[in-house]
Amino acid sequence: MKIGALYIFAALLVFNLILPLTSASTTYYYSTPTKSIVLSPNIVFDEGTNGTAYIISTDKTWTEVNVTGTLTETYYEYVLNITNLSSSTNHQVKLENASITGINRLTNFTAYFHDGTTSKQIEISNGNVNQSSGLWYSVATSATIYLSLAIQVSSSGSSRVDLRLHVVKSGTISPEIIQTVRINVN
């Protein structure tokens, strides 16, 4: 007898949960969220327009770019678009060299930010790192800046340049977001 009562109670409980709650002419449905909300950084990567290959993580916290190095200098003006999604907070960004492999074949590897003005961030010349980090570059609210590259190699092969993208709110040094940009030079 107790088991039958338990089944009836469970059936009523399930029935009550799936029944819509009504108030006057408005119907409300109870639902449990299926995903937790994750706050993403205010800076996101998007593909540029140079015809290079990109791998951008689904949460847009890192990116990998493939570019072709040639014996003559090649310019990639819009390798990545970096957008400040905030409508109320200006940000600043800068690049820092994290690691390099195959540096000897890099006759020129120069990374710039631009959006009307240009800021050299990283410079490698004839296998030597001449500039390993850049100055802070402003990204206004709802604005996009671009990462461009100048590439020249002395021989065939492959090189990899891992860069750290530092992001801070303008006028602060914290909280800081650090994202990875990997450049493969084939």
Protein backbone atom coordinates (compact mmCIF):
# COMPACT_ATOMS: atom_id res chain seq x y z
CA MET A 1 0.00 0.00 0.00
CA LYS A 2 2.85 2.38 0.80
CA ILE A 3 4.46 1.62 -2.56
CA GLY A 4 1.24 2.51 -4.43
CA ALA A 5 1.02 5.82 -2.56
CA LEU A 6 4.65 6.59 -3.40
CA TYR A 7 3.98 6.05 -7.13
CA ILE A 8 0.93 8.29 -7.00
CA PHE A 9 2.93 11.00 -5.18
CA ALA A 10 5.76 10.75 -7.74
CA ALA A 11 3.27 10.91 -10.62
CA LEU A 12 1.64 14.01 -9.12
CA LEU A 13 5.05 15.63 -8.58
CA VAL A 14 6.07 15.03 -12.21
CA PHE A 15 2.67 16.20 -13.44
CA ASN A 16 2.97 19.41 -11.40
CA LEU A 17 6.45 20.15 -12.74
CA ILE A 18 5.45 19.90 -16.39
CA LEU A 19 2.19 21.76 -15.98
CA PRO A 20 2.49 25.40 -17.06
CA LEU A 21 1.97 28.01 -14.40
CA THR A 22 -0.69 30.48 -15.45
CA SER A 23 -1.52 33.93 -14.16
CA ALA A 24 -4.35 35.80 -15.84
CA SER A 25 -3.60 35.61 -19.57
CA THR A 26 0.18 35.02 -19.29
CA THR A 27 1.71 31.55 -19.29
CA TYR A 28 5.05 30.87 -17.56
CA TYR A 29 7.09 27.72 -17.99
CA TYR A 30 9.64 26.58 -15.46
CA SER A 31 12.91 25.46 -17.00
CA THR A 32 16.37 24.66 -15.71
CA PRO A 33 19.26 26.23 -17.64
CA THR A 34 21.18 23.65 -19.67
CA LYS A 35 24.45 25.65 -19.76
CA SER A 36 26.23 27.70 -17.20
CA ILE A 37 26.93 31.26 -18.24
CA VAL A 38 30.59 31.96 -18.94
CA LEU A 39 31.91 35.50 -19.16
CA SER A 40 34.22 35.86 -22.13
CA PRO A 41 36.95 38.49 -22.51
CA ASN A 42 35.93 41.80 -24.02
CA ILE A 43 38.56 41.33 -26.73
CA VAL A 44 37.94 38.69 -29.38
CA PHE A 45 39.82 37.44 -32.42
CA ASP A 46 38.24 37.19 -35.86
CA GLU A 47 39.71 36.03 -39.12
CA GLY A 48 41.45 38.65 -41.22
CA THR A 49 41.12 38.95 -45.00
CA ASN A 50 44.55 37.92 -46.29
CA GLY A 51 43.68 34.41 -47.43
CA THR A 52 45.78 32.72 -44.75
CA ALA A 53 44.58 29.74 -42.72
CA TYR A 54 43.29 30.34 -39.21
CA ILE A 55 42.36 28.21 -36.26
CA ILE A 56 40.50 30.23 -33.67
CA SER A 57 39.32 28.56 -30.47
CA THR A 58 35.59 28.43 -29.86
CA ASP A 59 35.93 30.66 -26.81
CA LYS A 60 38.22 32.98 -28.81
CA THR A 61 41.03 32.91 -26.27
CA TRP A 62 43.78 31.76 -28.62
CA THR A 63 44.44 31.60 -32.32
CA GLU A 64 46.82 29.90 -34.74
CA VAL A 65 47.74 31.48 -38.07
CA ASN A 66 49.54 29.93 -41.04
CA VAL A 67 51.43 32.28 -43.38
CA THR A 68 53.81 31.64 -46.23
CA GLY A 69 57.32 33.02 -46.08
CA THR A 70 59.06 33.91 -49.33
CA LEU A 71 62.54 35.08 -50.32
CA THR A 72 61.09 38.52 -50.96
CA GLU A 73 59.23 40.37 -48.22
CA THR A 74 55.50 39.61 -48.07
CA TYR A 75 52.99 41.80 -46.23
CA TYR A 76 49.91 40.39 -44.56
CA GLU A 77 47.93 43.51 -43.66
CA TYR A 78 44.93 41.91 -41.91
CA VAL A 79 46.10 38.69 -40.30
CA LEU A 80 43.70 39.01 -37.35
CA ASN A 81 40.95 41.39 -36.41
CA ILE A 82 40.98 42.17 -32.68
CA THR A 83 37.69 43.66 -31.52
CA ASN A 84 36.76 45.32 -28.24
CA LEU A 85 33.18 44.12 -27.67
CA SER A 86 32.64 46.49 -24.76
CA SER A 87 30.46 49.52 -25.39
CA SER A 88 31.71 51.31 -22.27
CA THR A 89 35.35 50.32 -21.59
CA ASN A 90 38.46 51.16 -23.59
CA HIS A 91 41.21 48.56 -23.56
CA GLN A 92 44.90 48.45 -24.33
CA VAL A 93 46.77 45.57 -25.92
CA LYS A 94 50.37 44.66 -26.58
CA LEU A 95 52.29 41.67 -27.91
CA GLU A 96 55.20 39.92 -26.25
CA ASN A 97 57.42 37.20 -27.67
CA ALA A 98 56.79 33.89 -25.86
CA SER A 99 58.89 31.45 -27.89
CA ILE A 100 60.34 30.97 -31.36
CA THR A 101 61.45 27.87 -33.23
CA GLY A 102 63.25 27.95 -36.58
CA ILE A 103 64.45 31.52 -35.99
CA ASN A 104 67.57 31.23 -38.20
CA ARG A 105 65.57 31.25 -41.44
CA LEU A 106 63.61 34.40 -40.53
CA THR A 107 65.19 37.24 -42.50
CA ASN A 108 62.30 39.46 -41.38
CA PHE A 109 59.37 38.83 -39.08
CA THR A 110 57.68 42.02 -37.95
CA ALA A 111 54.30 42.14 -36.20
CA TYR A 112 52.30 45.40 -36.12
CA PHE A 113 48.99 46.64 -34.76
CA HIS A 114 47.20 49.16 -36.95
CA ASP A 115 43.89 50.98 -37.31
CA GLY A 116 45.00 54.18 -38.98
CA THR A 117 48.16 54.44 -36.91
CA THR A 118 50.81 51.72 -36.70
CA SER A 119 52.61 50.22 -33.72
CA LYS A 120 55.51 47.82 -34.23
CA GLN A 121 55.20 45.06 -31.62
CA ILE A 122 57.73 42.34 -32.48
CA GLU A 123 60.76 42.41 -34.79
CA ILE A 124 63.04 39.54 -35.81
CA SER A 125 65.75 40.24 -38.38
CA ASN A 126 68.33 37.81 -39.79
CA GLY A 127 67.66 35.26 -37.04
CA ASN A 128 67.95 37.78 -34.18
CA VAL A 129 65.20 39.19 -31.98
CA ASN A 130 65.50 42.98 -32.22
CA GLN A 131 62.26 43.79 -30.39
CA SER A 132 60.61 41.23 -28.11
CA SER A 133 57.58 43.25 -26.98
CA GLY A 134 55.59 46.27 -28.03
CA LEU A 135 54.10 49.33 -26.42
CA TRP A 136 50.49 49.44 -25.26
CA TYR A 137 48.07 50.09 -28.14
CA SER A 138 44.57 51.48 -27.51
CA VAL A 139 41.42 49.70 -28.61
CA ALA A 140 38.45 52.03 -28.19
CA THR A 141 34.97 50.84 -27.27
CA SER A 142 33.29 48.81 -30.02
CA ALA A 143 36.39 49.24 -32.21
CA THR A 144 38.55 46.82 -34.20
CA ILE A 145 42.30 46.91 -34.66
CA TYR A 146 44.32 44.66 -36.94
CA LEU A 147 47.41 42.51 -36.58
CA SER A 148 49.64 42.68 -39.65
CA LEU A 149 52.86 40.85 -40.47
CA ALA A 150 55.86 41.48 -42.71
CA ILE A 151 57.55 38.14 -43.47
CA GLN A 152 60.72 37.16 -45.35
CA VAL A 153 62.65 33.90 -45.07
CA SER A 154 66.11 32.89 -46.27
CA SER A 155 65.32 29.21 -46.93
CA SER A 156 62.50 26.68 -47.08
CA GLY A 157 61.36 25.03 -43.88
CA SER A 158 59.13 26.07 -41.03
CA SER A 159 59.29 28.53 -38.17
CA ARG A 160 56.90 29.12 -35.31
CA VAL A 161 56.50 32.34 -33.36
CA ASP A 162 54.32 32.18 -30.24
CA LEU A 163 53.15 35.57 -29.03
CA ARG A 164 51.32 36.60 -25.90
CA LEU A 165 48.58 39.15 -26.36
CA HIS A 166 48.19 41.17 -23.15
CA VAL A 167 44.86 42.93 -22.62
CA VAL A 168 44.09 45.47 -19.89
CA LYS A 169 41.41 48.05 -19.26
CA SER A 170 42.75 51.50 -20.15
CA GLY A 171 44.37 53.22 -17.20
CA THR A 172 44.92 49.99 -15.26
CA ILE A 173 47.38 47.16 -15.11
CA SER A 174 44.88 44.67 -13.69
CA PRO A 175 42.86 42.57 -14.33
CA GLU A 176 44.92 41.40 -17.25
CA ILE A 177 43.93 38.80 -19.83
CA ILE A 178 46.73 36.98 -21.64
CA GLN A 179 45.86 35.21 -24.88
CA THR A 180 48.08 33.23 -27.25
CA VAL A 181 48.72 33.99 -30.91
CA ARG A 182 50.73 31.27 -32.69
CA ILE A 183 52.18 32.19 -36.10
CA ASN A 184 53.38 29.31 -38.28
CA VAL A 185 55.66 30.52 -41.10
CA ASN A 186 55.88 27.86 -43.80
